Amino acid sequence: SNLGTTEYYGGIYFNGSSYNASVGNLGSGFTNLTVEVWFRSDSVANYRNVLDCNYVASANNVGPRLEYNSSGGLGWVWGSNLNNYQGATLLSSGLGTSTPSYAAFTRSGSSYAAYLNGSLTASGSETHAFTGSISNLVIGQGFSSATERYHQGQVYVVRIYNRALTAGEISTNFSAQRARFGI
């Protein structure tokens, strides 16, 4: 896969139309998990995906994937397939451009939590269970091969854990790098 160019924060730059970083199959055993990502968007166009933990070119909703839209809404989407999915809103509107953000998603059993910049924004019980596998981690694109799904901006840090981090651990991870991004 093509990665684009590296910019000043040490991240990978994605041009919004043709680049992604395919990490591949991480396997099963993610019944409990945490996905963390530091990113910056240069454009808040519809359905841009920062990453997708189960990317399939023909579309699916297994995720978890981080997605934003033209109003600057940001959220996590996950489920068991195309018609069985749910989301957790991090921000309903106002995602800025050129400002780095930290987003995290945790799952423990059937409970989930979503965080933006270290603060809990959504939590609850799953209605459509995640499969527990990460069969194709793709950074810079998600959900389908449609060009609207490509992220435009940088991705600096991606971490995936095979356990649900606590709220305190999420806060610690955010605080440890926030100065690097001027937050």
N, C-alpha and C. Protein backbone atom coordinates (compact mmCIF):
# COMPACT_ATOMS: atom_id res chain seq x y z
N SER A 1 0.83 -1.19 0.00
CA SER A 1 0.00 0.00 0.00
C SER A 1 0.87 1.25 0.00
N ASN A 2 0.33 2.30 -0.51
CA ASN A 2 1.03 3.58 -0.54
C ASN A 2 0.73 4.36 0.72
N LEU A 3 1.74 4.98 1.30
CA LEU A 3 1.58 5.66 2.59
C LEU A 3 1.50 7.17 2.50
N GLY A 4 1.78 7.78 1.38
CA GLY A 4 1.77 9.23 1.32
C GLY A 4 3.08 9.79 1.84
N THR A 5 3.03 10.97 2.42
CA THR A 5 4.25 11.61 2.90
C THR A 5 4.19 11.83 4.40
N THR A 6 5.33 11.92 5.01
CA THR A 6 5.42 12.18 6.44
C THR A 6 5.49 13.68 6.67
N GLU A 7 4.78 14.17 7.72
CA GLU A 7 4.80 15.58 8.05
C GLU A 7 5.41 15.82 9.42
N TYR A 8 5.31 17.03 9.89
CA TYR A 8 6.07 17.51 11.04
C TYR A 8 5.81 16.84 12.36
N TYR A 9 4.69 16.22 12.62
CA TYR A 9 4.46 15.56 13.89
C TYR A 9 4.94 14.11 13.90
N GLY A 10 5.48 13.66 12.79
CA GLY A 10 5.94 12.29 12.71
C GLY A 10 4.86 11.30 12.34
N GLY A 11 3.76 11.79 11.80
CA GLY A 11 2.68 10.91 11.39
C GLY A 11 2.72 10.64 9.90
N ILE A 12 1.78 9.85 9.45
CA ILE A 12 1.64 9.57 8.02
C ILE A 12 0.54 10.47 7.48
N TYR A 13 0.82 11.12 6.36
CA TYR A 13 -0.18 11.99 5.74
C TYR A 13 -0.94 11.21 4.67
N PHE A 14 -2.26 11.33 4.71
CA PHE A 14 -3.15 10.71 3.73
C PHE A 14 -3.82 11.80 2.92
N ASN A 15 -3.84 11.66 1.60
CA ASN A 15 -4.31 12.73 0.73
C ASN A 15 -5.81 12.73 0.47
N GLY A 16 -6.56 11.80 1.02
CA GLY A 16 -8.00 11.80 0.89
C GLY A 16 -8.53 11.13 -0.36
N SER A 17 -7.65 10.55 -1.18
CA SER A 17 -8.18 9.94 -2.39
C SER A 17 -7.51 8.65 -2.82
N SER A 18 -6.31 8.38 -2.41
CA SER A 18 -5.69 7.18 -2.97
C SER A 18 -4.71 6.45 -2.06
N TYR A 19 -4.53 6.87 -0.85
CA TYR A 19 -3.54 6.23 0.02
C TYR A 19 -4.18 5.62 1.24
N ASN A 20 -3.69 4.44 1.64
CA ASN A 20 -4.02 3.86 2.93
C ASN A 20 -2.82 3.02 3.37
N ALA A 21 -2.81 2.67 4.63
CA ALA A 21 -1.77 1.80 5.17
C ALA A 21 -2.45 0.52 5.63
N SER A 22 -2.23 -0.56 4.92
CA SER A 22 -2.84 -1.83 5.26
C SER A 22 -1.90 -2.60 6.20
N VAL A 23 -2.34 -2.78 7.44
CA VAL A 23 -1.55 -3.51 8.43
C VAL A 23 -1.82 -5.00 8.32
N GLY A 24 -3.05 -5.37 8.00
CA GLY A 24 -3.40 -6.77 7.79
C GLY A 24 -4.10 -7.41 8.97
N ASN A 25 -4.03 -8.73 9.04
CA ASN A 25 -4.76 -9.54 10.00
C ASN A 25 -4.05 -9.57 11.35
N LEU A 26 -4.75 -9.13 12.40
CA LEU A 26 -4.21 -9.20 13.76
C LEU A 26 -4.76 -10.41 14.50
N GLY A 27 -5.73 -11.09 13.91
CA GLY A 27 -6.26 -12.32 14.48
C GLY A 27 -7.48 -12.15 15.36
N SER A 28 -7.79 -13.22 16.09
CA SER A 28 -8.95 -13.21 16.98
C SER A 28 -8.47 -12.96 18.41
N GLY A 29 -9.35 -13.10 19.35
CA GLY A 29 -8.98 -12.89 20.74
C GLY A 29 -9.19 -11.45 21.20
N PHE A 30 -9.99 -10.69 20.46
CA PHE A 30 -10.27 -9.30 20.81
C PHE A 30 -11.69 -9.16 21.36
N THR A 31 -12.12 -10.14 22.15
CA THR A 31 -13.43 -10.04 22.78
C THR A 31 -13.48 -8.76 23.61
N ASN A 32 -12.42 -8.49 24.33
CA ASN A 32 -12.22 -7.23 25.02
C ASN A 32 -11.12 -6.51 24.27
N LEU A 33 -11.28 -5.24 24.02
CA LEU A 33 -10.25 -4.52 23.27
C LEU A 33 -10.30 -3.03 23.53
N THR A 34 -9.22 -2.38 23.13
CA THR A 34 -9.14 -0.93 23.09
C THR A 34 -8.46 -0.55 21.78
N VAL A 35 -9.03 0.45 21.11
CA VAL A 35 -8.42 1.04 19.93
C VAL A 35 -8.21 2.51 20.24
N GLU A 36 -6.97 2.98 20.09
CA GLU A 36 -6.63 4.39 20.30
C GLU A 36 -6.01 4.96 19.03
N VAL A 37 -6.31 6.21 18.73
CA VAL A 37 -5.70 6.85 17.57
C VAL A 37 -5.56 8.36 17.81
N TRP A 38 -4.40 8.88 17.47
CA TRP A 38 -4.15 10.32 17.39
C TRP A 38 -4.18 10.65 15.90
N PHE A 39 -4.97 11.65 15.51
CA PHE A 39 -5.10 12.00 14.11
C PHE A 39 -5.41 13.48 13.95
N ARG A 40 -5.30 13.94 12.72
CA ARG A 40 -5.70 15.30 12.36
C ARG A 40 -6.40 15.21 11.02
N SER A 41 -7.51 15.92 10.89
CA SER A 41 -8.24 15.96 9.63
C SER A 41 -7.99 17.30 8.95
N ASP A 42 -7.76 17.26 7.64
CA ASP A 42 -7.63 18.49 6.86
C ASP A 42 -8.93 18.86 6.17
N SER A 43 -9.89 17.95 6.16
CA SER A 43 -11.17 18.16 5.49
C SER A 43 -12.22 17.35 6.21
N VAL A 44 -13.35 17.95 6.51
CA VAL A 44 -14.40 17.21 7.20
C VAL A 44 -15.51 16.83 6.21
N ALA A 45 -15.13 16.20 5.12
CA ALA A 45 -16.06 15.72 4.11
C ALA A 45 -16.79 14.49 4.63
N ASN A 46 -17.87 14.12 3.96
CA ASN A 46 -18.71 13.02 4.40
C ASN A 46 -18.03 11.66 4.38
N TYR A 47 -18.25 10.92 5.44
CA TYR A 47 -17.86 9.52 5.57
C TYR A 47 -16.37 9.24 5.49
N ARG A 48 -15.54 10.17 5.85
CA ARG A 48 -14.10 9.92 5.89
C ARG A 48 -13.80 8.98 7.06
N ASN A 49 -12.93 8.01 6.85
CA ASN A 49 -12.59 7.03 7.87
C ASN A 49 -11.11 7.10 8.22
N VAL A 50 -10.81 7.35 9.47
CA VAL A 50 -9.44 7.42 9.95
C VAL A 50 -8.83 6.02 9.94
N LEU A 51 -9.58 5.03 10.42
CA LEU A 51 -9.12 3.64 10.41
C LEU A 51 -10.31 2.72 10.47
N ASP A 52 -10.07 1.48 10.07
CA ASP A 52 -11.09 0.43 10.13
C ASP A 52 -10.40 -0.86 10.53
N CYS A 53 -10.85 -1.48 11.62
CA CYS A 53 -10.21 -2.70 12.11
C CYS A 53 -10.61 -3.95 11.35
N ASN A 54 -11.62 -3.87 10.49
CA ASN A 54 -12.05 -5.01 9.67
C ASN A 54 -12.46 -4.52 8.30
N TYR A 55 -11.54 -3.87 7.62
CA TYR A 55 -11.83 -3.29 6.31
C TYR A 55 -12.08 -4.37 5.26
N VAL A 56 -13.15 -4.19 4.49
CA VAL A 56 -13.48 -5.04 3.34
C VAL A 56 -13.88 -4.09 2.21
N ALA A 57 -13.26 -4.20 1.08
CA ALA A 57 -13.50 -3.27 -0.04
C ALA A 57 -14.95 -3.24 -0.48
N SER A 58 -15.67 -4.32 -0.30
CA SER A 58 -17.07 -4.37 -0.73
C SER A 58 -18.03 -3.88 0.35
N ALA A 59 -17.53 -3.34 1.43
CA ALA A 59 -18.29 -2.73 2.53
C ALA A 59 -18.70 -3.73 3.60
N ASN A 60 -18.59 -3.32 4.84
CA ASN A 60 -19.13 -4.04 5.98
C ASN A 60 -19.19 -3.08 7.16
N ASN A 61 -19.74 -3.52 8.24
CA ASN A 61 -19.82 -2.69 9.44
C ASN A 61 -19.29 -3.43 10.65
N VAL A 62 -18.24 -4.23 10.46
CA VAL A 62 -17.69 -4.98 11.58
C VAL A 62 -16.85 -4.05 12.46
N GLY A 63 -15.98 -3.25 11.86
CA GLY A 63 -15.20 -2.29 12.61
C GLY A 63 -14.43 -2.92 13.76
N PRO A 64 -14.18 -2.17 14.82
CA PRO A 64 -14.54 -0.77 14.96
C PRO A 64 -13.78 0.12 13.98
N ARG A 65 -14.49 1.14 13.51
CA ARG A 65 -13.86 2.11 12.62
C ARG A 65 -14.19 3.50 13.13
N LEU A 66 -13.28 4.42 12.88
CA LEU A 66 -13.45 5.81 13.29
C LEU A 66 -13.82 6.61 12.05
N GLU A 67 -14.97 7.29 12.12
CA GLU A 67 -15.53 7.95 10.94
C GLU A 67 -15.96 9.38 11.28
N TYR A 68 -15.77 10.30 10.33
CA TYR A 68 -16.29 11.66 10.50
C TYR A 68 -17.07 12.07 9.27
N ASN A 69 -17.89 13.14 9.43
CA ASN A 69 -18.76 13.56 8.33
C ASN A 69 -18.63 15.05 8.04
N SER A 70 -19.40 15.53 7.08
CA SER A 70 -19.24 16.91 6.60
C SER A 70 -19.63 17.97 7.63
N SER A 71 -20.39 17.62 8.64
CA SER A 71 -20.71 18.60 9.69
C SER A 71 -19.67 18.58 10.81
N GLY A 72 -18.65 17.75 10.66
CA GLY A 72 -17.63 17.64 11.69
C GLY A 72 -18.02 16.68 12.80
N GLY A 73 -19.00 15.83 12.53
CA GLY A 73 -19.35 14.78 13.49
C GLY A 73 -18.29 13.69 13.46
N LEU A 74 -18.07 13.06 14.59
CA LEU A 74 -17.04 12.03 14.71
C LEU A 74 -17.58 10.91 15.58
N GLY A 75 -17.35 9.66 15.15
CA GLY A 75 -17.82 8.55 15.96
C GLY A 75 -17.20 7.22 15.57
N TRP A 76 -17.40 6.25 16.45
CA TRP A 76 -16.98 4.87 16.22
C TRP A 76 -18.18 4.08 15.72
N VAL A 77 -17.95 3.16 14.78
CA VAL A 77 -18.98 2.27 14.26
C VAL A 77 -18.45 0.84 14.35
N TRP A 78 -19.30 -0.10 14.80
CA TRP A 78 -18.90 -1.51 14.87
C TRP A 78 -20.16 -2.37 14.86
N GLY A 79 -19.98 -3.66 14.60
CA GLY A 79 -21.11 -4.58 14.60
C GLY A 79 -20.68 -5.95 14.15
N SER A 80 -21.64 -6.70 13.62
CA SER A 80 -21.36 -8.06 13.19
C SER A 80 -21.39 -8.20 11.67
N ASN A 81 -22.03 -7.29 10.97
CA ASN A 81 -22.02 -7.28 9.50
C ASN A 81 -22.72 -6.03 8.99
N LEU A 82 -22.92 -5.96 7.69
CA LEU A 82 -23.46 -4.77 7.04
C LEU A 82 -24.75 -4.26 7.66
N ASN A 83 -25.67 -5.15 7.99
CA ASN A 83 -26.97 -4.72 8.49
C ASN A 83 -27.11 -4.77 10.01
N ASN A 84 -26.09 -5.18 10.70
CA ASN A 84 -26.13 -5.28 12.16
C ASN A 84 -24.97 -4.51 12.76
N TYR A 85 -25.19 -3.23 13.02
CA TYR A 85 -24.12 -2.38 13.53
C TYR A 85 -24.70 -1.28 14.41
N GLN A 86 -23.81 -0.62 15.12
CA GLN A 86 -24.19 0.51 15.95
C GLN A 86 -23.03 1.48 16.01
N GLY A 87 -23.29 2.63 16.59
CA GLY A 87 -22.25 3.64 16.68
C GLY A 87 -22.22 4.31 18.03
N ALA A 88 -21.12 4.97 18.29
CA ALA A 88 -20.94 5.76 19.51
C ALA A 88 -20.42 7.13 19.07
N THR A 89 -21.18 8.16 19.34
CA THR A 89 -20.83 9.52 18.93
C THR A 89 -19.79 10.12 19.87
N LEU A 90 -18.71 10.59 19.29
CA LEU A 90 -17.69 11.33 20.04
C LEU A 90 -17.99 12.82 20.01
N LEU A 91 -18.45 13.27 18.85
CA LEU A 91 -18.70 14.70 18.62
C LEU A 91 -19.80 14.79 17.57
N SER A 92 -20.89 15.51 17.86
CA SER A 92 -21.99 15.59 16.90
C SER A 92 -21.69 16.56 15.76
N SER A 93 -20.87 17.55 16.01
CA SER A 93 -20.43 18.48 14.96
C SER A 93 -19.24 19.27 15.49
N GLY A 94 -18.53 19.92 14.59
CA GLY A 94 -17.47 20.81 15.00
C GLY A 94 -16.06 20.26 15.02
N LEU A 95 -15.84 19.05 14.47
CA LEU A 95 -14.47 18.56 14.39
C LEU A 95 -13.67 19.54 13.56
N GLY A 96 -12.63 20.08 14.15
CA GLY A 96 -11.83 21.09 13.46
C GLY A 96 -10.86 20.48 12.48
N THR A 97 -10.40 21.30 11.57
CA THR A 97 -9.34 20.87 10.66
C THR A 97 -8.03 21.40 11.21
N SER A 98 -6.98 20.67 10.93
CA SER A 98 -5.62 21.04 11.33
C SER A 98 -5.39 21.02 12.83
N THR A 99 -6.31 20.45 13.60
CA THR A 99 -6.13 20.32 15.05
C THR A 99 -6.08 18.83 15.39
N PRO A 100 -4.99 18.33 15.93
CA PRO A 100 -4.93 16.92 16.29
C PRO A 100 -5.96 16.56 17.37
N SER A 101 -6.44 15.33 17.30
CA SER A 101 -7.41 14.80 18.26
C SER A 101 -7.01 13.39 18.66
N TYR A 102 -7.46 13.00 19.84
CA TYR A 102 -7.25 11.64 20.35
C TYR A 102 -8.62 10.99 20.50
N ALA A 103 -8.81 9.83 19.88
CA ALA A 103 -10.06 9.09 20.01
C ALA A 103 -9.74 7.68 20.48
N ALA A 104 -10.59 7.16 21.38
CA ALA A 104 -10.39 5.80 21.90
C ALA A 104 -11.75 5.10 21.99
N PHE A 105 -11.70 3.79 21.78
CA PHE A 105 -12.88 2.93 21.87
C PHE A 105 -12.49 1.73 22.71
N THR A 106 -13.31 1.39 23.72
CA THR A 106 -13.06 0.20 24.52
C THR A 106 -14.29 -0.69 24.49
N ARG A 107 -14.02 -1.98 24.60
CA ARG A 107 -15.09 -2.97 24.67
C ARG A 107 -14.70 -4.01 25.72
N SER A 108 -15.61 -4.25 26.66
CA SER A 108 -15.42 -5.26 27.68
C SER A 108 -16.71 -6.07 27.76
N GLY A 109 -16.64 -7.33 27.30
CA GLY A 109 -17.86 -8.13 27.23
C GLY A 109 -18.81 -7.48 26.24
N SER A 110 -20.00 -7.11 26.70
CA SER A 110 -20.95 -6.43 25.81
C SER A 110 -21.04 -4.94 26.11
N SER A 111 -20.15 -4.43 26.94
CA SER A 111 -20.14 -3.00 27.27
C SER A 111 -19.09 -2.27 26.45
N TYR A 112 -19.41 -1.05 26.04
CA TYR A 112 -18.46 -0.24 25.28
C TYR A 112 -18.35 1.15 25.91
N ALA A 113 -17.26 1.82 25.57
CA ALA A 113 -17.05 3.21 25.97
C ALA A 113 -16.26 3.89 24.86
N ALA A 114 -16.56 5.17 24.63
CA ALA A 114 -15.87 5.95 23.60
C ALA A 114 -15.38 7.25 24.23
N TYR A 115 -14.18 7.65 23.85
CA TYR A 115 -13.52 8.80 24.44
C TYR A 115 -13.00 9.73 23.36
N LEU A 116 -13.05 11.02 23.64
CA LEU A 116 -12.44 12.04 22.79
C LEU A 116 -11.56 12.91 23.67
N ASN A 117 -10.30 13.01 23.30
CA ASN A 117 -9.32 13.80 24.05
C ASN A 117 -9.35 13.48 25.55
N GLY A 118 -9.42 12.19 25.84
CA GLY A 118 -9.34 11.70 27.21
C GLY A 118 -10.63 11.70 27.99
N SER A 119 -11.71 12.28 27.44
CA SER A 119 -12.98 12.35 28.16
C SER A 119 -14.01 11.38 27.58
N LEU A 120 -14.74 10.71 28.45
CA LEU A 120 -15.79 9.80 28.04
C LEU A 120 -16.90 10.58 27.34
N THR A 121 -17.29 10.14 26.15
CA THR A 121 -18.38 10.80 25.42
C THR A 121 -19.59 9.89 25.21
N ALA A 122 -19.38 8.58 25.27
CA ALA A 122 -20.49 7.64 25.08
C ALA A 122 -20.13 6.31 25.73
N SER A 123 -21.15 5.64 26.26
CA SER A 123 -20.96 4.30 26.81
C SER A 123 -22.30 3.59 26.84
N GLY A 124 -22.25 2.28 26.94
CA GLY A 124 -23.49 1.53 26.99
C GLY A 124 -23.25 0.06 26.74
N SER A 125 -24.35 -0.62 26.41
CA SER A 125 -24.30 -2.05 26.08
C SER A 125 -24.50 -2.22 24.59
N GLU A 126 -23.80 -3.20 24.04
CA GLU A 126 -23.91 -3.46 22.61
C GLU A 126 -25.28 -4.03 22.25
N THR A 127 -25.79 -3.60 21.13
CA THR A 127 -26.97 -4.22 20.55
C THR A 127 -26.56 -5.12 19.39
N HIS A 128 -25.40 -4.86 18.81
CA HIS A 128 -24.85 -5.66 17.71
C HIS A 128 -23.40 -5.96 18.05
N ALA A 129 -23.15 -7.16 18.52
CA ALA A 129 -21.85 -7.52 19.06
C ALA A 129 -20.74 -7.52 18.02
N PHE A 130 -19.60 -7.00 18.43
CA PHE A 130 -18.38 -7.07 17.63
C PHE A 130 -17.92 -8.52 17.55
N THR A 131 -17.32 -8.90 16.45
CA THR A 131 -16.94 -10.30 16.20
C THR A 131 -15.77 -10.80 17.05
N GLY A 132 -14.95 -9.90 17.58
CA GLY A 132 -13.79 -10.32 18.37
C GLY A 132 -12.55 -10.59 17.55
N SER A 133 -12.61 -10.33 16.24
CA SER A 133 -11.46 -10.51 15.36
C SER A 133 -11.10 -9.20 14.67
N ILE A 134 -9.83 -9.04 14.40
CA ILE A 134 -9.37 -7.93 13.57
C ILE A 134 -8.69 -8.57 12.37
N SER A 135 -9.46 -8.74 11.32
CA SER A 135 -8.99 -9.49 10.16
C SER A 135 -8.27 -8.63 9.12
N ASN A 136 -8.47 -7.32 9.16
CA ASN A 136 -7.79 -6.46 8.19
C ASN A 136 -7.77 -5.02 8.70
N LEU A 137 -6.73 -4.68 9.44
CA LEU A 137 -6.58 -3.32 9.95
C LEU A 137 -6.06 -2.42 8.83
N VAL A 138 -6.84 -1.39 8.50
CA VAL A 138 -6.44 -0.42 7.48
C VAL A 138 -6.50 0.96 8.11
N ILE A 139 -5.43 1.71 7.95
CA ILE A 139 -5.33 3.08 8.46
C ILE A 139 -5.44 4.01 7.26
N GLY A 140 -6.30 5.03 7.38
CA GLY A 140 -6.46 6.01 6.31
C GLY A 140 -7.61 5.73 5.37
N GLN A 141 -8.40 4.68 5.66
CA GLN A 141 -9.55 4.34 4.83
C GLN A 141 -10.42 3.37 5.62
N GLY A 142 -11.70 3.30 5.26
CA GLY A 142 -12.56 2.35 5.92
C GLY A 142 -13.83 2.08 5.17
N PHE A 143 -14.52 1.05 5.59
CA PHE A 143 -15.83 0.61 5.15
C PHE A 143 -15.89 0.09 3.72
N SER A 144 -15.40 0.84 2.75
CA SER A 144 -15.48 0.38 1.35
C SER A 144 -14.36 1.03 0.54
N SER A 145 -14.31 0.66 -0.72
CA SER A 145 -13.29 1.24 -1.60
C SER A 145 -13.72 2.57 -2.20
N ALA A 146 -14.90 3.07 -1.84
CA ALA A 146 -15.37 4.37 -2.35
C ALA A 146 -14.40 5.47 -1.93
N THR A 147 -14.09 6.38 -2.84
CA THR A 147 -13.10 7.42 -2.54
C THR A 147 -13.53 8.32 -1.40
N GLU A 148 -14.82 8.45 -1.13
CA GLU A 148 -15.25 9.28 -0.01
C GLU A 148 -14.83 8.70 1.34
N ARG A 149 -14.42 7.46 1.38
CA ARG A 149 -14.04 6.80 2.63
C ARG A 149 -12.57 7.01 3.01
N TYR A 150 -11.79 7.65 2.15
CA TYR A 150 -10.38 7.89 2.44
C TYR A 150 -10.22 9.08 3.39
N HIS A 151 -9.38 8.93 4.39
CA HIS A 151 -9.05 10.00 5.33
C HIS A 151 -8.17 11.03 4.65
N GLN A 152 -8.42 12.31 4.92
CA GLN A 152 -7.54 13.37 4.44
C GLN A 152 -6.97 14.07 5.66
N GLY A 153 -5.68 13.87 5.87
CA GLY A 153 -4.99 14.43 7.03
C GLY A 153 -3.94 13.44 7.52
N GLN A 154 -3.53 13.63 8.75
CA GLN A 154 -2.48 12.78 9.30
C GLN A 154 -3.03 11.81 10.33
N VAL A 155 -2.34 10.68 10.44
CA VAL A 155 -2.54 9.74 11.54
C VAL A 155 -1.17 9.59 12.18
N TYR A 156 -1.12 9.87 13.49
CA TYR A 156 0.15 9.91 14.20
C TYR A 156 0.43 8.64 14.99
N VAL A 157 -0.59 8.16 15.72
CA VAL A 157 -0.42 7.02 16.62
C VAL A 157 -1.66 6.14 16.53
N VAL A 158 -1.46 4.84 16.40
CA VAL A 158 -2.54 3.86 16.49
C VAL A 158 -2.08 2.78 17.45
N ARG A 159 -2.92 2.50 18.44
CA ARG A 159 -2.63 1.42 19.39
C ARG A 159 -3.87 0.54 19.52
N ILE A 160 -3.65 -0.76 19.53
CA ILE A 160 -4.74 -1.71 19.74
C ILE A 160 -4.31 -2.65 20.86
N TYR A 161 -5.18 -2.79 21.86
CA TYR A 161 -4.93 -3.66 23.01
C TYR A 161 -5.94 -4.79 23.00
N ASN A 162 -5.57 -5.95 23.50
CA ASN A 162 -6.51 -7.06 23.60
C ASN A 162 -7.20 -7.07 24.97
N ARG A 163 -7.39 -5.88 25.52
CA ARG A 163 -8.16 -5.71 26.76
C ARG A 163 -8.76 -4.30 26.75
N ALA A 164 -9.78 -4.11 27.54
CA ALA A 164 -10.39 -2.78 27.66
C ALA A 164 -9.61 -1.98 28.69
N LEU A 165 -9.01 -0.89 28.24
CA LEU A 165 -8.33 -0.01 29.19
C LEU A 165 -9.37 0.66 30.09
N THR A 166 -8.96 1.00 31.29
CA THR A 166 -9.84 1.72 32.20
C THR A 166 -9.89 3.20 31.80
N ALA A 167 -10.86 3.91 32.33
CA ALA A 167 -10.95 5.35 32.07
C ALA A 167 -9.68 6.06 32.53
N GLY A 168 -9.11 5.61 33.63
CA GLY A 168 -7.86 6.19 34.13
C GLY A 168 -6.70 5.95 33.17
N GLU A 169 -6.63 4.77 32.60
CA GLU A 169 -5.57 4.47 31.63
C GLU A 169 -5.74 5.28 30.35
N ILE A 170 -6.98 5.46 29.91
CA ILE A 170 -7.25 6.30 28.73
C ILE A 170 -6.78 7.72 29.01
N SER A 171 -7.13 8.25 30.17
CA SER A 171 -6.72 9.60 30.56
C SER A 171 -5.20 9.73 30.62
N THR A 172 -4.55 8.72 31.17
CA THR A 172 -3.08 8.73 31.26
C THR A 172 -2.46 8.72 29.87
N ASN A 173 -2.97 7.88 28.96
CA ASN A 173 -2.43 7.82 27.60
C ASN A 173 -2.62 9.14 26.86
N PHE A 174 -3.79 9.76 27.04
CA PHE A 174 -4.04 11.06 26.43
C PHE A 174 -3.08 12.11 27.00
N SER A 175 -2.97 12.16 28.31
CA SER A 175 -2.12 13.17 28.96
C SER A 175 -0.65 13.01 28.61
N ALA A 176 -0.21 11.77 28.40
CA ALA A 176 1.20 11.51 28.09
C ALA A 176 1.62 12.11 26.76
N GLN A 177 0.68 12.31 25.82
CA GLN A 177 1.06 12.82 24.50
C GLN A 177 0.42 14.14 24.12
N ARG A 178 -0.44 14.68 24.95
CA ARG A 178 -1.17 15.89 24.57
C ARG A 178 -0.23 17.08 24.32
N ALA A 179 0.85 17.21 25.05
CA ALA A 179 1.79 18.32 24.82
C ALA A 179 2.44 18.23 23.45
N ARG A 180 2.70 17.01 23.00
CA ARG A 180 3.27 16.81 21.66
C ARG A 180 2.41 17.46 20.58
N PHE A 181 1.08 17.48 20.80
CA PHE A 181 0.14 18.01 19.81
C PHE A 181 -0.43 19.36 20.19
N GLY A 182 0.07 19.95 21.25
CA GLY A 182 -0.36 21.29 21.64
C GLY A 182 -1.77 21.37 22.18
N ILE A 183 -2.21 20.29 22.83
CA ILE A 183 -3.58 20.26 23.37
C ILE A 183 -3.52 20.41 24.89
